[in-house]
Amino acid sequence: MRNYKKFLGAVYRELKDIYFWIKVPSNSFKSNGVSFHPGFIDEDLCDELKELSENIFSDKQLLNVDSWINERKKESQGKVDTKVKAIFSFEKNSNKLAEFIESNKLQSLFEEELGYELVLRNCCLQYDEPDTETKRSFHTDNNPPPSFKAFIYLTDVDNTKNGPFSVIEGTHTKARYLRLKNIYFNLKNNLPTSNMDKFIPKKSETAFCGKKGDLILSTQTLFHRGNPEHSERTRYVLIFYFSLKKYGPYPEFTLGKAS
């Protein structure tokens, strides 16, 4: 009965989500759930932020007191994304990054594409070593209502061997039946309801390769994953976590934070 109620809740939120996307301006982001913007920040800043993260990972005493490091290997008991670690609230360690965020350049672009006001919840630096064995398969970050992320590559991601962000375009709105089938299966088998790897559309995934400084905007209800062919070159990427302002205020952002 408990799982039945959870599933009915998921169906109800899918219905509300249909109305949400009707209101989004007609553009490629609405259709695909993702958009790509080359050369969004300067390459010199990319190099500076990459070097800063390396210094912090090498000497954690350099970490700002309001930032925290998360190592996915510890969080998943060595099962999923074991080569991923991140520095959350990374802008606390860089005046230049803080100034970039305060300029509102990124948020304004995202809000223009979406047609809704957003709230920036956090900015993290993610370090992703080559890994062809423990990458999490297709998933959503959450099921409706949607959340959003912006990714800025700090290193070149020239091909699938470099671990590009990969999505099945359009699945935020065109795979609702499959999303609900996955949720039902996950509830029955005591799995995370965000797993989307049991029932997958036949449509091929799109791997967003790019250069340092390139930006990707995404809704996280898309079926997505880190590319499983990631066998060369550590990927450094900034990730900006956004939520819809109309559903706020939000509690303190604590993802990846040790309790």
Protein backbone atom coordinates (compact mmCIF):
# COMPACT_ATOMS: atom_id res chain seq x y z
CA MET A 1 0.00 0.00 0.00
CA ARG A 2 2.84 2.36 0.85
CA ASN A 3 4.52 1.87 -2.53
CA TYR A 4 1.15 2.18 -4.26
CA LYS A 5 0.69 5.64 -2.74
CA LYS A 6 4.22 6.62 -3.78
CA PHE A 7 3.51 5.50 -7.33
CA LEU A 8 0.23 7.45 -7.45
CA GLY A 9 2.18 10.48 -6.24
CA ALA A 10 4.63 10.03 -9.10
CA VAL A 11 1.74 9.86 -11.61
CA TYR A 12 0.24 13.05 -10.17
CA ARG A 13 3.56 14.88 -10.44
CA GLU A 14 3.96 13.76 -14.05
CA LEU A 15 0.57 15.31 -14.83
CA LYS A 16 1.61 18.58 -13.19
CA ASP A 17 4.88 18.46 -15.11
CA ILE A 18 3.01 18.39 -18.42
CA TYR A 19 1.52 21.77 -17.56
CA PHE A 20 4.92 23.11 -16.47
CA TRP A 21 6.56 22.36 -19.82
CA ILE A 22 3.62 23.78 -21.78
CA LYS A 23 4.53 27.16 -20.27
CA VAL A 24 8.21 26.97 -21.28
CA PRO A 25 9.05 29.09 -24.39
CA SER A 26 9.25 27.13 -27.63
CA ASN A 27 12.96 26.53 -28.22
CA SER A 28 15.45 23.69 -28.45
CA PHE A 29 15.79 23.51 -24.67
CA LYS A 30 12.07 22.85 -24.31
CA SER A 31 12.22 20.15 -26.97
CA ASN A 32 15.48 18.45 -26.00
CA GLY A 33 15.80 19.27 -22.29
CA VAL A 34 19.39 20.34 -22.90
CA SER A 35 21.33 23.05 -24.75
CA PHE A 36 24.99 23.65 -25.57
CA HIS A 37 26.82 27.00 -25.50
CA PRO A 38 30.48 27.01 -26.61
CA GLY A 39 33.12 29.28 -25.11
CA PHE A 40 31.00 30.51 -22.22
CA ILE A 41 33.91 31.31 -19.91
CA ASP A 42 37.55 32.16 -20.58
CA GLU A 43 40.04 29.30 -20.92
CA ASP A 44 42.48 31.02 -18.53
CA LEU A 45 39.83 30.97 -15.80
CA CYS A 46 39.24 27.28 -16.52
CA ASP A 47 42.93 26.55 -16.02
CA GLU A 48 43.04 28.63 -12.84
CA LEU A 49 40.06 26.85 -11.29
CA LYS A 50 41.40 23.43 -12.26
CA GLU A 51 44.75 24.21 -10.61
CA LEU A 52 42.97 25.53 -7.52
CA SER A 53 41.00 22.30 -7.16
CA GLU A 54 44.14 20.22 -7.54
CA ASN A 55 45.81 22.19 -4.76
CA ILE A 56 42.80 21.73 -2.47
CA PHE A 57 42.58 17.98 -3.12
CA SER A 58 46.31 17.73 -2.35
CA ASP A 59 46.11 19.85 0.80
CA LYS A 60 42.65 19.96 2.40
CA GLN A 61 43.81 22.68 4.78
CA LEU A 62 43.43 25.08 1.84
CA LEU A 63 39.68 24.37 1.72
CA ASN A 64 37.43 27.24 2.76
CA VAL A 65 35.52 26.48 5.97
CA ASP A 66 32.20 26.90 4.14
CA SER A 67 33.11 24.34 1.45
CA TRP A 68 33.15 20.56 1.71
CA ILE A 69 34.61 17.64 -0.22
CA ASN A 70 32.60 14.58 -1.17
CA GLU A 71 34.10 11.33 -2.42
CA ARG A 72 31.48 9.22 -4.17
CA LYS A 73 33.42 6.01 -3.48
CA LYS A 74 32.79 6.36 0.26
CA GLU A 75 29.17 7.43 -0.22
CA SER A 76 28.28 4.45 -2.43
CA GLN A 77 30.32 1.88 -0.45
CA GLY A 78 32.60 1.44 -3.46
CA LYS A 79 29.81 0.43 -5.87
CA VAL A 80 28.91 3.44 -8.05
CA ASP A 81 30.95 6.31 -9.55
CA THR A 82 33.96 5.35 -7.48
CA LYS A 83 36.31 7.70 -9.35
CA VAL A 84 34.25 10.85 -8.72
CA LYS A 85 34.87 13.47 -6.06
CA ALA A 86 33.70 17.04 -5.69
CA ILE A 87 34.27 20.30 -3.87
CA PHE A 88 30.92 21.87 -3.00
CA SER A 89 30.46 25.62 -2.58
CA PHE A 90 33.60 25.86 -4.65
CA GLU A 91 33.16 29.60 -5.25
CA LYS A 92 34.04 30.17 -1.57
CA ASN A 93 37.60 29.34 -2.62
CA SER A 94 37.79 31.66 -5.65
CA ASN A 95 36.97 35.36 -5.82
CA LYS A 96 36.90 35.19 -9.63
CA LEU A 97 34.33 32.41 -9.62
CA ALA A 98 32.27 34.24 -7.00
CA GLU A 99 32.33 37.36 -9.18
CA PHE A 100 31.25 35.32 -12.21
CA ILE A 101 28.27 33.99 -10.26
CA GLU A 102 27.38 37.46 -8.98
CA SER A 103 27.40 38.80 -12.56
CA ASN A 104 24.26 36.69 -13.13
CA LYS A 105 25.38 35.93 -16.69
CA LEU A 106 24.73 32.22 -16.31
CA GLN A 107 21.47 32.42 -14.41
CA SER A 108 20.04 35.04 -16.78
CA LEU A 109 20.74 32.81 -19.79
CA PHE A 110 19.15 29.82 -18.10
CA GLU A 111 16.06 31.77 -17.07
CA GLU A 112 15.70 33.13 -20.60
CA GLU A 113 15.72 29.62 -22.05
CA LEU A 114 13.36 28.26 -19.41
CA GLY A 115 10.94 31.16 -18.96
CA TYR A 116 10.95 30.68 -15.18
CA GLU A 117 12.96 32.27 -12.37
CA LEU A 118 15.61 30.07 -10.79
CA VAL A 119 17.51 29.89 -7.51
CA LEU A 120 21.16 28.86 -7.50
CA ARG A 121 21.51 26.27 -4.75
CA ASN A 122 25.21 25.43 -5.06
CA CYS A 123 28.28 25.43 -7.29
CA CYS A 124 30.65 22.49 -7.16
CA LEU A 125 33.86 21.44 -8.84
CA GLN A 126 33.65 17.80 -9.92
CA TYR A 127 36.72 15.67 -10.54
CA ASP A 128 35.97 12.57 -12.61
CA GLU A 129 38.77 10.08 -13.27
CA PRO A 130 38.57 7.53 -16.11
CA ASP A 131 36.20 4.74 -15.13
CA THR A 132 34.61 2.12 -17.39
CA GLU A 133 33.39 -0.16 -14.59
CA THR A 134 31.40 1.74 -11.94
CA LYS A 135 29.67 4.56 -13.83
CA ARG A 136 26.04 4.85 -12.81
CA SER A 137 23.76 3.91 -15.69
CA PHE A 138 20.84 6.02 -16.95
CA HIS A 139 19.09 7.90 -14.19
CA THR A 140 17.44 11.17 -13.30
CA ASP A 141 18.64 13.37 -10.47
CA ASN A 142 15.03 13.53 -9.41
CA ASN A 143 11.63 12.88 -10.91
CA PRO A 144 9.14 15.74 -11.47
CA PRO A 145 9.01 18.52 -10.48
CA PRO A 146 12.21 19.26 -12.40
CA SER A 147 15.54 20.52 -11.14
CA PHE A 148 18.27 21.93 -13.36
CA LYS A 149 22.04 21.94 -13.75
CA ALA A 150 24.58 23.92 -15.68
CA PHE A 151 27.88 22.22 -16.54
CA ILE A 152 31.02 24.13 -17.59
CA TYR A 153 33.92 21.98 -18.73
CA LEU A 154 37.28 23.04 -17.28
CA THR A 155 39.16 20.52 -19.42
CA ASP A 156 38.71 19.50 -23.05
CA VAL A 157 36.27 16.63 -23.54
CA ASP A 158 37.07 15.70 -27.12
CA ASN A 159 35.35 12.31 -27.38
CA THR A 160 33.51 9.67 -25.38
CA LYS A 161 36.79 8.41 -23.92
CA ASN A 162 37.02 11.72 -22.01
CA GLY A 163 33.71 11.21 -20.16
CA PRO A 164 31.20 13.66 -21.68
CA PHE A 165 27.84 14.35 -20.06
CA SER A 166 25.47 12.09 -22.00
CA VAL A 167 21.68 12.26 -22.27
CA ILE A 168 18.77 10.79 -24.20
CA GLU A 169 17.34 14.02 -25.55
CA GLY A 170 13.65 14.68 -25.05
CA THR A 171 13.14 12.10 -22.32
CA HIS A 172 12.09 14.80 -19.83
CA THR A 173 8.72 15.06 -21.63
CA LYS A 174 8.61 12.24 -24.20
CA ALA A 175 9.40 9.25 -21.99
CA ARG A 176 6.88 9.71 -19.19
CA TYR A 177 5.49 6.18 -19.57
CA LEU A 178 8.99 4.68 -19.36
CA ARG A 179 9.88 6.88 -16.39
CA LEU A 180 6.79 5.63 -14.55
CA LYS A 181 7.59 2.02 -15.49
CA ASN A 182 11.07 2.48 -14.05
CA ILE A 183 9.66 4.05 -10.89
CA TYR A 184 7.20 1.18 -10.44
CA PHE A 185 9.96 -1.39 -10.94
CA ASN A 186 12.25 0.44 -8.51
CA LEU A 187 9.58 0.67 -5.82
CA LYS A 188 8.87 -3.05 -6.13
CA ASN A 189 12.55 -3.92 -5.86
CA ASN A 190 13.57 -1.39 -3.21
CA LEU A 191 15.80 0.54 -5.61
CA PRO A 192 16.30 4.31 -5.97
CA THR A 193 13.30 5.70 -7.85
CA SER A 194 15.69 7.83 -9.91
CA ASN A 195 17.19 4.75 -11.62
CA MET A 196 16.13 4.76 -15.29
CA ASP A 197 18.12 1.79 -16.58
CA LYS A 198 15.46 -0.95 -16.67
CA PHE A 199 13.26 0.58 -19.38
CA ILE A 200 15.17 2.79 -21.82
CA PRO A 201 13.97 4.45 -25.06
CA LYS A 202 15.31 3.08 -28.32
CA LYS A 203 16.60 6.55 -29.20
CA SER A 204 20.40 6.86 -29.08
CA GLU A 205 22.04 8.97 -26.40
CA THR A 206 23.82 12.25 -27.20
CA ALA A 207 27.31 12.67 -25.78
CA PHE A 208 28.12 16.37 -25.25
CA CYS A 209 31.78 16.61 -26.13
CA GLY A 210 33.34 20.06 -25.99
CA LYS A 211 36.26 22.27 -25.06
CA LYS A 212 37.21 23.90 -21.78
CA GLY A 213 34.85 26.83 -21.15
CA ASP A 214 31.89 25.25 -22.96
CA LEU A 215 28.52 25.29 -21.16
CA ILE A 216 25.70 22.73 -21.06
CA LEU A 217 22.28 23.56 -19.61
CA SER A 218 20.13 20.60 -18.63
CA THR A 219 16.95 19.60 -16.89
CA GLN A 220 17.78 16.72 -14.60
CA THR A 221 14.57 14.80 -15.31
CA LEU A 222 16.25 13.75 -18.57
CA PHE A 223 17.56 10.20 -18.74
CA HIS A 224 21.30 10.87 -18.42
CA ARG A 225 24.62 9.41 -17.29
CA GLY A 226 28.36 9.93 -17.25
CA ASN A 227 29.57 8.26 -20.41
CA PRO A 228 30.61 4.64 -19.68
CA GLU A 229 33.41 4.78 -22.29
CA HIS A 230 35.40 7.20 -20.11
CA SER A 231 38.85 5.59 -20.34
CA GLU A 232 41.19 8.56 -20.88
CA ARG A 233 41.85 11.89 -19.21
CA THR A 234 40.40 13.13 -15.92
CA ARG A 235 37.46 15.45 -16.50
CA TYR A 236 37.14 18.63 -14.44
CA VAL A 237 33.78 20.37 -14.59
CA LEU A 238 31.89 23.08 -12.72
CA ILE A 239 28.33 22.07 -11.85
CA PHE A 240 25.73 24.65 -10.88
CA TYR A 241 22.62 23.35 -9.10
CA PHE A 242 19.43 25.29 -9.83
CA SER A 243 15.88 24.96 -8.52
CA LEU A 244 12.66 26.73 -9.49
CA LYS A 245 12.15 29.88 -7.44
CA LYS A 246 8.39 29.40 -7.28
CA TYR A 247 8.80 26.23 -5.21
CA GLY A 248 11.09 27.90 -2.65
CA PRO A 249 12.24 28.87 -0.14
CA TYR A 250 14.61 25.93 0.04
CA PRO A 251 16.45 24.42 2.99
CA GLU A 252 20.21 24.61 3.30
CA PHE A 253 21.98 22.73 0.50
CA THR A 254 23.73 19.75 2.08
CA LEU A 255 24.23 17.29 -0.81
CA GLY A 256 27.46 15.36 -0.31
CA LYS A 257 28.01 16.87 3.11
CA ALA A 258 29.09 14.58 5.93
CA SER A 259 26.50 14.46 8.68
